[in-house]
C-alpha cells in the first residue's frame, strides 16, 4: 500500500515568507538606524538564505519536480519575490539617501555662490 501526501502541505507558504520578509525589513530598519551597514548585512544574509531555501526545494531529487507540478510557477515567483523584497527596498533606500546627500551638497554649493563674498586675488590688493 502506497501512501501519497500532498507536497504543498510540507512547503512554507508565500504568506509566511512575506511575513518573515516584512519582519526582516523592520529589523533591518532598526539596525540601520544604529549602523547603516548592519541593516544592509541583515537584509543580504536573509535574502541569501531565503533564495538558497527556494533553490534547495526546487532542486531536491525526490520532490523538486513535484513542487512545480503541484504548487506551480506562481508559487516559485511569489517565494523569490517576497524573499528579495527587503533587498530591493534596501537598495532603493540607499540610492535615495545618496541622491539626497548629493542634491543637498549641490544646493549648498549654489547657495554659497549667491551669499558668500567673492574671493579676491591677494595680488590685486597690493598698493603700488
Foldseek 3Di string as FASTA:
>chain_A
DDDDDQPVVVDDFLVVLLVVLVVLLVVLVVVCVVPVVSSLVSLVVQLVVLVVVLVCCLPDVPCNVVCCVRVNPVRSVSSNCSSCVSVVVSVVVVVVVVVVVVVVVVVVVVVCVVPPDDDDDPVVPDDD
